[in-house]
Amino acid sequence: MTQFEITTQSHAHTEEVAAMLATLLSGGETIALRGDLGAGKTCFARGLASGLGCDDRQVSSPTFIVLQRYRGARIDLVHVDAYRLSNPEQLRDSGLELGAHDSVAAIEWAERVESELPADTITVSLLATSASERAITISAPAEFVQRLAASMSPRPCAICKAPVEFLGQTKPFCSKRCRDVDLGRWIDGRYQISRPIEQTDLDED
């Protein structure tokens, strides 16, 4: 396993990291979520749901149920709480099918069912370093970590082409100045639609 580390400054940033990770999943993966109470495990699960095309507003701490399945546009998310399981074997009794290709399993308190987890489980460890800051360590097969690192690498600013960090406050711009330049171009009419607007463009799905 190889590790990828990133620090987030808000719940929104933590969800954004999780959503990006989710875009790299193809189904059948197991995500082990580790961290103390309040570290952000459910927040990360909410981001996974968003990235999989689920309604992330439905995602809450599964404390009073063992698992909850959320239907996704791409892949379903099965959200599991192992905290109340008295032994790892109870995970199998819960009805969870690890490795099912139509879903991804995200397991909170995964350390309680360690012996039941697949060898290629992606482990996400969250550490609260302040009220809002989270240190996130993702352990996964080397190829997956390489893809994840590439997806979160800096991108050129939409205006000046300077590198913009994945969690930059003014993304996709490198600074407030470049963001204001972009707004000014819209106001001045320098951006134009490449073809006439048709009725189908205005119709709601």
N, C-alpha and C. Protein backbone atom coordinates (compact mmCIF):
# COMPACT_ATOMS: atom_id res chain seq x y z
N MET A 1 0.84 -1.20 0.00
CA MET A 1 0.00 0.00 0.00
C MET A 1 0.88 1.26 0.00
N THR A 2 0.39 2.29 -0.67
CA THR A 2 1.07 3.59 -0.74
C THR A 2 0.17 4.63 -0.10
N GLN A 3 0.77 5.67 0.44
CA GLN A 3 -0.02 6.69 1.14
C GLN A 3 -0.04 8.02 0.40
N PHE A 4 -1.19 8.68 0.53
CA PHE A 4 -1.37 10.03 0.01
C PHE A 4 -1.89 10.87 1.18
N GLU A 5 -1.28 12.03 1.40
CA GLU A 5 -1.67 12.87 2.53
C GLU A 5 -2.11 14.25 2.05
N ILE A 6 -3.16 14.77 2.70
CA ILE A 6 -3.65 16.09 2.37
C ILE A 6 -4.31 16.68 3.62
N THR A 7 -4.23 17.98 3.79
CA THR A 7 -4.85 18.66 4.92
C THR A 7 -5.98 19.55 4.41
N THR A 8 -7.13 19.42 5.04
CA THR A 8 -8.28 20.24 4.66
C THR A 8 -8.57 21.25 5.75
N GLN A 9 -9.13 22.39 5.35
CA GLN A 9 -9.38 23.48 6.28
C GLN A 9 -10.85 23.66 6.64
N SER A 10 -11.71 22.81 6.09
CA SER A 10 -13.14 22.94 6.34
C SER A 10 -13.84 21.63 6.01
N HIS A 11 -15.10 21.52 6.48
CA HIS A 11 -15.89 20.35 6.13
C HIS A 11 -16.08 20.27 4.62
N ALA A 12 -16.28 21.42 3.99
CA ALA A 12 -16.48 21.45 2.54
C ALA A 12 -15.25 20.91 1.81
N HIS A 13 -14.06 21.26 2.29
CA HIS A 13 -12.84 20.75 1.68
C HIS A 13 -12.72 19.24 1.85
N THR A 14 -13.08 18.74 3.05
CA THR A 14 -13.03 17.30 3.29
C THR A 14 -13.96 16.57 2.34
N GLU A 15 -15.16 17.11 2.14
CA GLU A 15 -16.10 16.51 1.21
C GLU A 15 -15.57 16.57 -0.23
N GLU A 16 -14.87 17.65 -0.56
CA GLU A 16 -14.34 17.80 -1.91
C GLU A 16 -13.27 16.76 -2.20
N VAL A 17 -12.42 16.48 -1.21
CA VAL A 17 -11.40 15.44 -1.37
C VAL A 17 -12.08 14.08 -1.57
N ALA A 18 -13.09 13.80 -0.76
CA ALA A 18 -13.80 12.53 -0.87
C ALA A 18 -14.50 12.39 -2.22
N ALA A 19 -15.10 13.48 -2.69
CA ALA A 19 -15.80 13.44 -3.97
C ALA A 19 -14.84 13.16 -5.12
N MET A 20 -13.64 13.76 -5.05
CA MET A 20 -12.65 13.50 -6.08
C MET A 20 -12.20 12.05 -6.04
N LEU A 21 -11.98 11.52 -4.83
CA LEU A 21 -11.61 10.11 -4.71
C LEU A 21 -12.70 9.23 -5.33
N ALA A 22 -13.95 9.58 -5.07
CA ALA A 22 -15.06 8.77 -5.57
C ALA A 22 -15.10 8.70 -7.09
N THR A 23 -14.67 9.75 -7.76
CA THR A 23 -14.69 9.75 -9.23
C THR A 23 -13.73 8.71 -9.80
N LEU A 24 -12.78 8.24 -9.00
CA LEU A 24 -11.82 7.25 -9.46
C LEU A 24 -12.27 5.83 -9.20
N LEU A 25 -13.40 5.66 -8.53
CA LEU A 25 -13.90 4.33 -8.18
C LEU A 25 -14.75 3.77 -9.31
N SER A 26 -14.68 2.46 -9.49
CA SER A 26 -15.44 1.82 -10.57
C SER A 26 -16.47 0.83 -10.05
N GLY A 27 -16.54 0.64 -8.74
CA GLY A 27 -17.48 -0.30 -8.14
C GLY A 27 -16.75 -1.50 -7.57
N GLY A 28 -17.19 -1.95 -6.42
CA GLY A 28 -16.59 -3.11 -5.77
C GLY A 28 -15.55 -2.75 -4.72
N GLU A 29 -15.20 -1.46 -4.62
CA GLU A 29 -14.17 -1.06 -3.66
C GLU A 29 -14.74 -0.99 -2.24
N THR A 30 -13.85 -1.21 -1.28
CA THR A 30 -14.17 -1.03 0.14
C THR A 30 -13.33 0.12 0.67
N ILE A 31 -13.99 1.08 1.30
CA ILE A 31 -13.32 2.24 1.90
C ILE A 31 -13.42 2.11 3.41
N ALA A 32 -12.30 1.96 4.09
CA ALA A 32 -12.27 1.89 5.55
C ALA A 32 -12.04 3.28 6.10
N LEU A 33 -13.00 3.79 6.86
CA LEU A 33 -12.91 5.13 7.43
C LEU A 33 -12.50 5.03 8.89
N ARG A 34 -11.35 5.62 9.21
CA ARG A 34 -10.80 5.55 10.57
C ARG A 34 -10.66 6.95 11.14
N GLY A 35 -10.85 7.07 12.42
CA GLY A 35 -10.72 8.36 13.08
C GLY A 35 -11.55 8.39 14.35
N ASP A 36 -11.16 9.24 15.28
CA ASP A 36 -11.90 9.38 16.53
C ASP A 36 -13.28 9.98 16.28
N LEU A 37 -14.11 9.96 17.29
CA LEU A 37 -15.41 10.58 17.22
C LEU A 37 -15.27 12.06 16.85
N GLY A 38 -15.99 12.48 15.81
CA GLY A 38 -15.92 13.87 15.37
C GLY A 38 -14.77 14.17 14.43
N ALA A 39 -14.04 13.14 13.99
CA ALA A 39 -12.89 13.37 13.11
C ALA A 39 -13.31 13.71 11.68
N GLY A 40 -14.53 13.34 11.31
CA GLY A 40 -15.00 13.66 9.96
C GLY A 40 -15.32 12.46 9.10
N LYS A 41 -15.52 11.30 9.70
CA LYS A 41 -15.79 10.09 8.91
C LYS A 41 -17.09 10.22 8.12
N THR A 42 -18.15 10.68 8.78
CA THR A 42 -19.43 10.83 8.09
C THR A 42 -19.36 11.94 7.05
N CYS A 43 -18.61 12.98 7.34
CA CYS A 43 -18.40 14.06 6.38
C CYS A 43 -17.73 13.51 5.12
N PHE A 44 -16.74 12.64 5.31
CA PHE A 44 -16.05 12.04 4.17
C PHE A 44 -17.01 11.14 3.40
N ALA A 45 -17.85 10.39 4.11
CA ALA A 45 -18.83 9.54 3.45
C ALA A 45 -19.80 10.37 2.62
N ARG A 46 -20.15 11.55 3.12
CA ARG A 46 -21.04 12.45 2.37
C ARG A 46 -20.38 12.89 1.06
N GLY A 47 -19.09 13.17 1.11
CA GLY A 47 -18.37 13.52 -0.10
C GLY A 47 -18.30 12.37 -1.08
N LEU A 48 -18.10 11.15 -0.57
CA LEU A 48 -18.11 9.98 -1.44
C LEU A 48 -19.45 9.85 -2.15
N ALA A 49 -20.53 10.05 -1.40
CA ALA A 49 -21.87 9.97 -1.99
C ALA A 49 -22.02 10.97 -3.13
N SER A 50 -21.56 12.19 -2.90
CA SER A 50 -21.65 13.22 -3.93
C SER A 50 -20.90 12.81 -5.18
N GLY A 51 -19.69 12.30 -5.00
CA GLY A 51 -18.87 11.91 -6.15
C GLY A 51 -19.41 10.71 -6.91
N LEU A 52 -20.23 9.89 -6.23
CA LEU A 52 -20.82 8.72 -6.88
C LEU A 52 -22.17 9.02 -7.50
N GLY A 53 -22.64 10.26 -7.32
CA GLY A 53 -23.93 10.64 -7.89
C GLY A 53 -25.11 10.32 -7.00
N CYS A 54 -24.85 10.11 -5.70
CA CYS A 54 -25.94 9.90 -4.74
C CYS A 54 -26.43 11.26 -4.22
N ASP A 55 -27.58 11.25 -3.58
CA ASP A 55 -28.08 12.46 -2.92
C ASP A 55 -27.35 12.57 -1.58
N ASP A 56 -26.33 13.40 -1.52
CA ASP A 56 -25.51 13.48 -0.31
C ASP A 56 -26.27 14.06 0.87
N ARG A 57 -27.42 14.71 0.62
CA ARG A 57 -28.21 15.26 1.71
C ARG A 57 -28.82 14.16 2.58
N GLN A 58 -28.90 12.95 2.06
CA GLN A 58 -29.46 11.83 2.81
C GLN A 58 -28.44 11.20 3.75
N VAL A 59 -27.17 11.52 3.55
CA VAL A 59 -26.12 10.84 4.30
C VAL A 59 -25.99 11.45 5.69
N SER A 60 -26.13 10.61 6.69
CA SER A 60 -25.94 11.03 8.07
C SER A 60 -25.23 9.92 8.81
N SER A 61 -24.83 10.19 10.02
CA SER A 61 -24.15 9.17 10.81
C SER A 61 -25.07 7.96 10.98
N PRO A 62 -24.59 6.76 10.63
CA PRO A 62 -25.46 5.58 10.70
C PRO A 62 -25.45 4.92 12.08
N THR A 63 -25.30 5.72 13.13
CA THR A 63 -25.09 5.20 14.47
C THR A 63 -26.15 4.20 14.91
N PHE A 64 -27.42 4.41 14.52
CA PHE A 64 -28.48 3.57 15.04
C PHE A 64 -28.88 2.44 14.09
N ILE A 65 -28.20 2.31 12.97
CA ILE A 65 -28.40 1.19 12.06
C ILE A 65 -27.03 0.72 11.62
N VAL A 66 -26.95 -0.53 11.19
CA VAL A 66 -25.64 -1.07 10.79
C VAL A 66 -25.25 -0.55 9.42
N LEU A 67 -26.20 -0.51 8.47
CA LEU A 67 -25.84 -0.03 7.14
C LEU A 67 -27.02 0.65 6.47
N GLN A 68 -26.66 1.53 5.55
CA GLN A 68 -27.65 2.26 4.76
C GLN A 68 -27.15 2.31 3.32
N ARG A 69 -28.02 2.05 2.36
CA ARG A 69 -27.63 2.08 0.95
C ARG A 69 -28.22 3.32 0.29
N TYR A 70 -27.38 4.06 -0.42
CA TYR A 70 -27.81 5.24 -1.15
C TYR A 70 -27.64 5.00 -2.64
N ARG A 71 -28.70 5.19 -3.39
CA ARG A 71 -28.67 4.96 -4.83
C ARG A 71 -27.90 6.07 -5.52
N GLY A 72 -27.00 5.70 -6.41
CA GLY A 72 -26.18 6.67 -7.11
C GLY A 72 -26.42 6.66 -8.60
N ALA A 73 -26.16 7.78 -9.24
CA ALA A 73 -26.28 7.85 -10.70
C ALA A 73 -25.26 6.94 -11.38
N ARG A 74 -24.08 6.83 -10.76
CA ARG A 74 -23.03 5.94 -11.30
C ARG A 74 -22.98 4.63 -10.55
N ILE A 75 -22.76 4.72 -9.25
CA ILE A 75 -22.59 3.55 -8.40
C ILE A 75 -23.28 3.84 -7.07
N ASP A 76 -23.84 2.82 -6.45
CA ASP A 76 -24.46 3.00 -5.14
C ASP A 76 -23.38 3.09 -4.06
N LEU A 77 -23.73 3.77 -2.98
CA LEU A 77 -22.86 3.82 -1.80
C LEU A 77 -23.54 3.06 -0.67
N VAL A 78 -22.84 2.10 -0.09
CA VAL A 78 -23.32 1.40 1.09
C VAL A 78 -22.52 1.93 2.28
N HIS A 79 -23.21 2.63 3.17
CA HIS A 79 -22.59 3.31 4.31
C HIS A 79 -22.77 2.43 5.55
N VAL A 80 -21.68 2.03 6.15
CA VAL A 80 -21.71 1.04 7.24
C VAL A 80 -21.15 1.64 8.52
N ASP A 81 -21.79 1.33 9.64
CA ASP A 81 -21.28 1.70 10.95
C ASP A 81 -20.95 0.42 11.71
N ALA A 82 -19.67 0.17 11.93
CA ALA A 82 -19.25 -1.06 12.62
C ALA A 82 -19.07 -0.86 14.11
N TYR A 83 -19.41 0.32 14.62
CA TYR A 83 -19.12 0.64 16.02
C TYR A 83 -19.83 -0.31 16.98
N ARG A 84 -21.07 -0.63 16.66
CA ARG A 84 -21.87 -1.44 17.59
C ARG A 84 -21.74 -2.94 17.35
N LEU A 85 -20.93 -3.34 16.38
CA LEU A 85 -20.75 -4.78 16.14
C LEU A 85 -19.84 -5.36 17.22
N SER A 86 -20.25 -6.46 17.80
CA SER A 86 -19.46 -7.04 18.90
C SER A 86 -18.33 -7.92 18.40
N ASN A 87 -18.43 -8.37 17.13
CA ASN A 87 -17.34 -9.15 16.55
C ASN A 87 -17.35 -8.97 15.03
N PRO A 88 -16.21 -9.18 14.38
CA PRO A 88 -16.12 -8.94 12.93
C PRO A 88 -17.09 -9.77 12.10
N GLU A 89 -17.41 -10.99 12.56
CA GLU A 89 -18.28 -11.87 11.80
C GLU A 89 -19.68 -11.28 11.61
N GLN A 90 -20.07 -10.39 12.49
CA GLN A 90 -21.39 -9.77 12.38
C GLN A 90 -21.51 -8.89 11.14
N LEU A 91 -20.39 -8.50 10.58
CA LEU A 91 -20.43 -7.72 9.36
C LEU A 91 -21.05 -8.53 8.23
N ARG A 92 -20.71 -9.83 8.17
CA ARG A 92 -21.30 -10.69 7.16
C ARG A 92 -22.79 -10.89 7.41
N ASP A 93 -23.17 -10.99 8.67
CA ASP A 93 -24.57 -11.20 9.02
C ASP A 93 -25.43 -9.97 8.71
N SER A 94 -24.79 -8.81 8.53
CA SER A 94 -25.54 -7.58 8.27
C SER A 94 -26.14 -7.54 6.87
N GLY A 95 -25.69 -8.44 6.00
CA GLY A 95 -26.17 -8.45 4.63
C GLY A 95 -25.26 -7.71 3.67
N LEU A 96 -24.18 -7.16 4.17
CA LEU A 96 -23.24 -6.43 3.32
C LEU A 96 -22.47 -7.41 2.43
N GLU A 97 -22.44 -7.11 1.13
CA GLU A 97 -21.69 -7.92 0.18
C GLU A 97 -20.49 -7.10 -0.30
N LEU A 98 -19.35 -7.29 0.36
CA LEU A 98 -18.15 -6.57 -0.05
C LEU A 98 -17.70 -7.06 -1.42
N GLY A 99 -17.31 -6.11 -2.26
CA GLY A 99 -16.84 -6.46 -3.61
C GLY A 99 -17.92 -6.45 -4.66
N ALA A 100 -19.17 -6.18 -4.29
CA ALA A 100 -20.25 -6.11 -5.28
C ALA A 100 -19.96 -4.96 -6.24
N HIS A 101 -20.01 -5.24 -7.54
CA HIS A 101 -19.56 -4.25 -8.53
C HIS A 101 -20.54 -3.11 -8.75
N ASP A 102 -21.75 -3.21 -8.20
CA ASP A 102 -22.71 -2.12 -8.37
C ASP A 102 -22.70 -1.15 -7.20
N SER A 103 -21.71 -1.30 -6.31
CA SER A 103 -21.68 -0.42 -5.13
C SER A 103 -20.26 -0.27 -4.60
N VAL A 104 -20.10 0.74 -3.75
CA VAL A 104 -18.88 0.96 -2.99
C VAL A 104 -19.28 0.94 -1.52
N ALA A 105 -18.50 0.25 -0.70
CA ALA A 105 -18.79 0.18 0.73
C ALA A 105 -17.86 1.13 1.48
N ALA A 106 -18.46 2.02 2.27
CA ALA A 106 -17.69 2.93 3.14
C ALA A 106 -17.99 2.54 4.58
N ILE A 107 -16.98 2.07 5.29
CA ILE A 107 -17.20 1.50 6.63
C ILE A 107 -16.56 2.39 7.69
N GLU A 108 -17.42 2.98 8.53
CA GLU A 108 -16.91 3.75 9.67
C GLU A 108 -16.53 2.78 10.80
N TRP A 109 -15.53 3.16 11.59
CA TRP A 109 -14.99 2.31 12.66
C TRP A 109 -14.55 0.96 12.08
N ALA A 110 -13.89 1.02 10.93
CA ALA A 110 -13.49 -0.19 10.21
C ALA A 110 -12.51 -1.05 10.99
N GLU A 111 -11.79 -0.45 11.95
CA GLU A 111 -10.84 -1.23 12.73
C GLU A 111 -11.51 -2.34 13.55
N ARG A 112 -12.82 -2.23 13.76
CA ARG A 112 -13.53 -3.24 14.54
C ARG A 112 -13.86 -4.48 13.72
N VAL A 113 -13.71 -4.37 12.39
CA VAL A 113 -14.00 -5.53 11.51
C VAL A 113 -12.80 -5.80 10.60
N GLU A 114 -11.62 -5.50 11.09
CA GLU A 114 -10.40 -5.59 10.28
C GLU A 114 -10.26 -6.92 9.56
N SER A 115 -10.56 -8.02 10.24
CA SER A 115 -10.34 -9.35 9.66
C SER A 115 -11.27 -9.65 8.49
N GLU A 116 -12.34 -8.87 8.34
CA GLU A 116 -13.31 -9.11 7.27
C GLU A 116 -13.05 -8.26 6.03
N LEU A 117 -12.08 -7.36 6.11
CA LEU A 117 -11.87 -6.42 5.01
C LEU A 117 -10.99 -7.04 3.92
N PRO A 118 -11.27 -6.74 2.65
CA PRO A 118 -10.43 -7.24 1.56
C PRO A 118 -9.01 -6.70 1.64
N ALA A 119 -8.07 -7.40 1.03
CA ALA A 119 -6.67 -6.99 1.07
C ALA A 119 -6.44 -5.66 0.37
N ASP A 120 -7.26 -5.33 -0.62
CA ASP A 120 -7.08 -4.09 -1.37
C ASP A 120 -7.95 -2.95 -0.85
N THR A 121 -8.41 -3.06 0.39
CA THR A 121 -9.22 -2.01 0.99
C THR A 121 -8.49 -0.67 0.98
N ILE A 122 -9.19 0.37 0.59
CA ILE A 122 -8.66 1.74 0.64
C ILE A 122 -8.94 2.29 2.03
N THR A 123 -7.90 2.65 2.76
CA THR A 123 -8.07 3.13 4.13
C THR A 123 -7.92 4.65 4.17
N VAL A 124 -8.90 5.31 4.76
CA VAL A 124 -8.88 6.77 4.93
C VAL A 124 -8.83 7.06 6.42
N SER A 125 -7.73 7.63 6.88
CA SER A 125 -7.56 7.98 8.30
C SER A 125 -7.70 9.49 8.44
N LEU A 126 -8.59 9.91 9.34
CA LEU A 126 -8.84 11.34 9.54
C LEU A 126 -8.45 11.73 10.96
N LEU A 127 -7.71 12.81 11.06
CA LEU A 127 -7.26 13.33 12.35
C LEU A 127 -7.65 14.79 12.46
N ALA A 128 -8.40 15.12 13.51
CA ALA A 128 -8.78 16.52 13.75
C ALA A 128 -7.62 17.24 14.41
N THR A 129 -7.02 18.19 13.71
CA THR A 129 -5.90 18.96 14.25
C THR A 129 -6.33 20.33 14.76
N SER A 130 -7.59 20.70 14.48
CA SER A 130 -8.20 21.91 15.04
C SER A 130 -9.70 21.76 14.85
N ALA A 131 -10.45 22.78 15.20
CA ALA A 131 -11.91 22.69 15.09
C ALA A 131 -12.35 22.42 13.65
N SER A 132 -11.63 22.94 12.68
CA SER A 132 -12.04 22.79 11.28
C SER A 132 -11.02 22.04 10.43
N GLU A 133 -9.77 21.96 10.87
CA GLU A 133 -8.71 21.35 10.06
C GLU A 133 -8.65 19.84 10.26
N ARG A 134 -8.49 19.11 9.16
CA ARG A 134 -8.37 17.67 9.21
C ARG A 134 -7.15 17.21 8.42
N ALA A 135 -6.33 16.39 9.05
CA ALA A 135 -5.21 15.75 8.36
C ALA A 135 -5.71 14.40 7.85
N ILE A 136 -5.69 14.21 6.56
CA ILE A 136 -6.25 13.01 5.94
C ILE A 136 -5.11 12.20 5.30
N THR A 137 -5.05 10.93 5.66
CA THR A 137 -4.08 10.01 5.08
C THR A 137 -4.85 8.89 4.38
N ILE A 138 -4.58 8.72 3.10
CA ILE A 138 -5.26 7.70 2.29
C ILE A 138 -4.25 6.64 1.90
N SER A 139 -4.50 5.40 2.32
CA SER A 139 -3.63 4.27 2.00
C SER A 139 -4.34 3.39 0.99
N ALA A 140 -3.68 3.13 -0.13
CA ALA A 140 -4.31 2.38 -1.22
C ALA A 140 -3.22 1.77 -2.10
N PRO A 141 -3.60 0.89 -3.01
CA PRO A 141 -2.62 0.37 -3.97
C PRO A 141 -1.92 1.51 -4.71
N ALA A 142 -0.66 1.31 -5.05
CA ALA A 142 0.17 2.37 -5.62
C ALA A 142 -0.46 3.02 -6.85
N GLU A 143 -1.04 2.23 -7.74
CA GLU A 143 -1.61 2.79 -8.96
C GLU A 143 -2.77 3.74 -8.64
N PHE A 144 -3.58 3.36 -7.67
CA PHE A 144 -4.71 4.21 -7.29
C PHE A 144 -4.22 5.51 -6.68
N VAL A 145 -3.20 5.44 -5.82
CA VAL A 145 -2.66 6.64 -5.19
C VAL A 145 -2.07 7.57 -6.24
N GLN A 146 -1.42 7.01 -7.26
CA GLN A 146 -0.86 7.84 -8.33
C GLN A 146 -1.97 8.58 -9.07
N ARG A 147 -3.07 7.90 -9.35
CA ARG A 147 -4.20 8.54 -10.02
C ARG A 147 -4.82 9.61 -9.14
N LEU A 148 -4.92 9.31 -7.84
CA LEU A 148 -5.49 10.28 -6.91
C LEU A 148 -4.63 11.53 -6.82
N ALA A 149 -3.32 11.33 -6.71
CA ALA A 149 -2.40 12.47 -6.62
C ALA A 149 -2.48 13.32 -7.89
N ALA A 150 -2.58 12.67 -9.04
CA ALA A 150 -2.68 13.40 -10.30
C ALA A 150 -3.97 14.21 -10.37
N SER A 151 -5.06 13.64 -9.86
CA SER A 151 -6.35 14.33 -9.92
C SER A 151 -6.38 15.54 -9.00
N MET A 152 -5.52 15.56 -7.97
CA MET A 152 -5.48 16.67 -7.04
C MET A 152 -4.26 17.56 -7.22
N SER A 153 -3.56 17.37 -8.31
CA SER A 153 -2.38 18.20 -8.58
C SER A 153 -2.82 19.59 -9.03
N PRO A 154 -1.97 20.60 -8.88
CA PRO A 154 -2.33 21.97 -9.29
C PRO A 154 -2.71 22.05 -10.77
N ARG A 155 -3.65 22.93 -11.08
CA ARG A 155 -4.09 23.17 -12.44
C ARG A 155 -3.79 24.62 -12.81
N PRO A 156 -3.59 24.92 -14.09
CA PRO A 156 -3.30 26.31 -14.49
C PRO A 156 -4.49 27.23 -14.21
N CYS A 157 -4.18 28.42 -13.74
CA CYS A 157 -5.21 29.44 -13.52
C CYS A 157 -5.91 29.74 -14.85
N ALA A 158 -7.22 29.91 -14.79
CA ALA A 158 -8.00 30.17 -15.99
C ALA A 158 -7.63 31.49 -16.67
N ILE A 159 -6.94 32.37 -15.95
CA ILE A 159 -6.57 33.67 -16.51
C ILE A 159 -5.08 33.76 -16.79
N CYS A 160 -4.23 33.58 -15.76
CA CYS A 160 -2.79 33.82 -15.94
C CYS A 160 -1.97 32.56 -16.06
N LYS A 161 -2.60 31.38 -15.92
CA LYS A 161 -1.94 30.08 -16.06
C LYS A 161 -1.01 29.73 -14.90
N ALA A 162 -0.99 30.53 -13.85
CA ALA A 162 -0.22 30.17 -12.65
C ALA A 162 -0.87 28.95 -12.01
N PRO A 163 -0.10 28.12 -11.31
CA PRO A 163 -0.68 26.91 -10.70
C PRO A 163 -1.70 27.24 -9.61
N VAL A 164 -2.79 26.50 -9.62
CA VAL A 164 -3.86 26.67 -8.63
C VAL A 164 -3.97 25.37 -7.86
N GLU A 165 -3.85 25.45 -6.53
CA GLU A 165 -3.95 24.27 -5.70
C GLU A 165 -5.36 23.68 -5.74
N PHE A 166 -5.46 22.38 -5.56
CA PHE A 166 -6.75 21.67 -5.64
C PHE A 166 -7.77 22.27 -4.68
N LEU A 167 -7.34 22.64 -3.49
CA LEU A 167 -8.24 23.21 -2.50
C LEU A 167 -8.10 24.73 -2.39
N GLY A 168 -7.62 25.34 -3.44
CA GLY A 168 -7.44 26.80 -3.43
C GLY A 168 -8.76 27.53 -3.22
N GLN A 169 -8.72 28.60 -2.44
CA GLN A 169 -9.94 29.33 -2.09
C GLN A 169 -10.59 30.01 -3.30
N THR A 170 -9.79 30.34 -4.32
CA THR A 170 -10.34 31.06 -5.47
C THR A 170 -10.35 30.19 -6.73
N LYS A 171 -10.20 28.88 -6.58
CA LYS A 171 -10.22 27.95 -7.72
C LYS A 171 -11.45 28.19 -8.59
N PRO A 172 -11.33 28.24 -9.93
CA PRO A 172 -10.18 27.87 -10.77
C PRO A 172 -9.19 29.00 -11.04
N PHE A 173 -9.22 30.03 -10.22
CA PHE A 173 -8.29 31.15 -10.39
C PHE A 173 -7.24 31.10 -9.28
N CYS A 174 -6.08 31.66 -9.56
CA CYS A 174 -4.99 31.61 -8.58
C CYS A 174 -5.14 32.69 -7.51
N SER A 175 -5.96 33.69 -7.77
CA SER A 175 -6.08 34.81 -6.84
C SER A 175 -7.40 35.53 -7.06
N LYS A 176 -7.75 36.38 -6.11
CA LYS A 176 -8.94 37.21 -6.25
C LYS A 176 -8.81 38.14 -7.45
N ARG A 177 -7.58 38.60 -7.69
CA ARG A 177 -7.36 39.50 -8.84
C ARG A 177 -7.77 38.82 -10.14
N CYS A 178 -7.32 37.60 -10.35
CA CYS A 178 -7.66 36.90 -11.60
C CYS A 178 -9.15 36.60 -11.66
N ARG A 179 -9.75 36.32 -10.51
CA ARG A 179 -11.20 36.10 -10.49
C ARG A 179 -11.94 37.36 -10.91
N ASP A 180 -11.45 38.52 -10.45
CA ASP A 180 -12.08 39.79 -10.81
C ASP A 180 -11.87 40.11 -12.29
N VAL A 181 -10.70 39.75 -12.81
CA VAL A 181 -10.43 39.95 -14.25
C VAL A 181 -11.44 39.16 -15.07
N ASP A 182 -11.68 37.91 -14.66
CA ASP A 182 -12.64 37.07 -15.37
C ASP A 182 -14.04 37.68 -15.33
N LEU A 183 -14.44 38.17 -14.15
CA LEU A 183 -15.75 38.81 -14.02
C LEU A 183 -15.84 40.03 -14.93
N GLY A 184 -14.76 40.81 -14.98
CA GLY A 184 -14.75 41.99 -15.84
C GLY A 184 -14.92 41.64 -17.31
N ARG A 185 -14.33 40.54 -17.72
CA ARG A 185 -14.47 40.11 -19.12
C ARG A 185 -15.91 39.74 -19.44
N TRP A 186 -16.59 39.10 -18.48
CA TRP A 186 -18.00 38.79 -18.70
C TRP A 186 -18.82 40.07 -18.82
N ILE A 187 -18.56 40.99 -17.93
CA ILE A 187 -19.31 42.25 -17.94
C ILE A 187 -19.08 43.03 -19.23
N ASP A 188 -17.84 43.00 -19.72
CA ASP A 188 -17.50 43.72 -20.95
C ASP A 188 -17.99 43.02 -22.21
N GLY A 189 -18.52 41.81 -22.06
CA GLY A 189 -19.02 41.08 -23.22
C GLY A 189 -17.92 40.43 -24.04
N ARG A 190 -16.75 40.20 -23.44
CA ARG A 190 -15.64 39.60 -24.19
C ARG A 190 -15.79 38.10 -24.33
N TYR A 191 -16.66 37.50 -23.51
CA TYR A 191 -16.96 36.07 -23.67
C TYR A 191 -18.23 35.95 -24.49
N GLN A 192 -18.20 35.12 -25.50
CA GLN A 192 -19.36 34.96 -26.37
C GLN A 192 -19.69 33.48 -26.53
N ILE A 193 -20.99 33.21 -26.68
CA ILE A 193 -21.44 31.85 -26.95
C ILE A 193 -21.13 31.53 -28.40
N SER A 194 -20.62 30.32 -28.63
CA SER A 194 -20.12 29.97 -29.95
C SER A 194 -21.22 29.69 -30.97
N ARG A 195 -22.48 29.57 -30.52
CA ARG A 195 -23.59 29.32 -31.44
C ARG A 195 -24.85 29.95 -30.87
N PRO A 196 -25.86 30.15 -31.68
CA PRO A 196 -27.12 30.73 -31.18
C PRO A 196 -27.76 29.84 -30.12
N ILE A 197 -28.42 30.47 -29.15
CA ILE A 197 -29.13 29.70 -28.12
C ILE A 197 -30.41 29.13 -28.71
N GLU A 198 -30.64 27.84 -28.49
CA GLU A 198 -31.85 27.18 -28.98
C GLU A 198 -32.77 26.89 -27.80
N GLN A 199 -34.04 26.62 -28.12
CA GLN A 199 -35.02 26.36 -27.07
C GLN A 199 -34.61 25.17 -26.20
N THR A 200 -34.00 24.17 -26.80
CA THR A 200 -33.59 22.98 -26.04
C THR A 200 -32.56 23.31 -24.98
N ASP A 201 -31.80 24.40 -25.19
CA ASP A 201 -30.81 24.82 -24.19
C ASP A 201 -31.50 25.36 -22.95
N LEU A 202 -32.74 25.89 -23.12
CA LEU A 202 -33.45 26.53 -22.02
C LEU A 202 -34.39 25.58 -21.31
N ASP A 203 -34.74 24.48 -21.99
CA ASP A 203 -35.69 23.54 -21.40
C ASP A 203 -35.05 22.83 -20.22
N GLU A 204 -35.80 22.65 -19.14
CA GLU A 204 -35.33 21.90 -17.99
C GLU A 204 -35.46 20.41 -18.27
N ASP A 205 -34.53 19.65 -17.67
CA ASP A 205 -34.60 18.20 -17.83
C ASP A 205 -35.80 17.64 -17.07
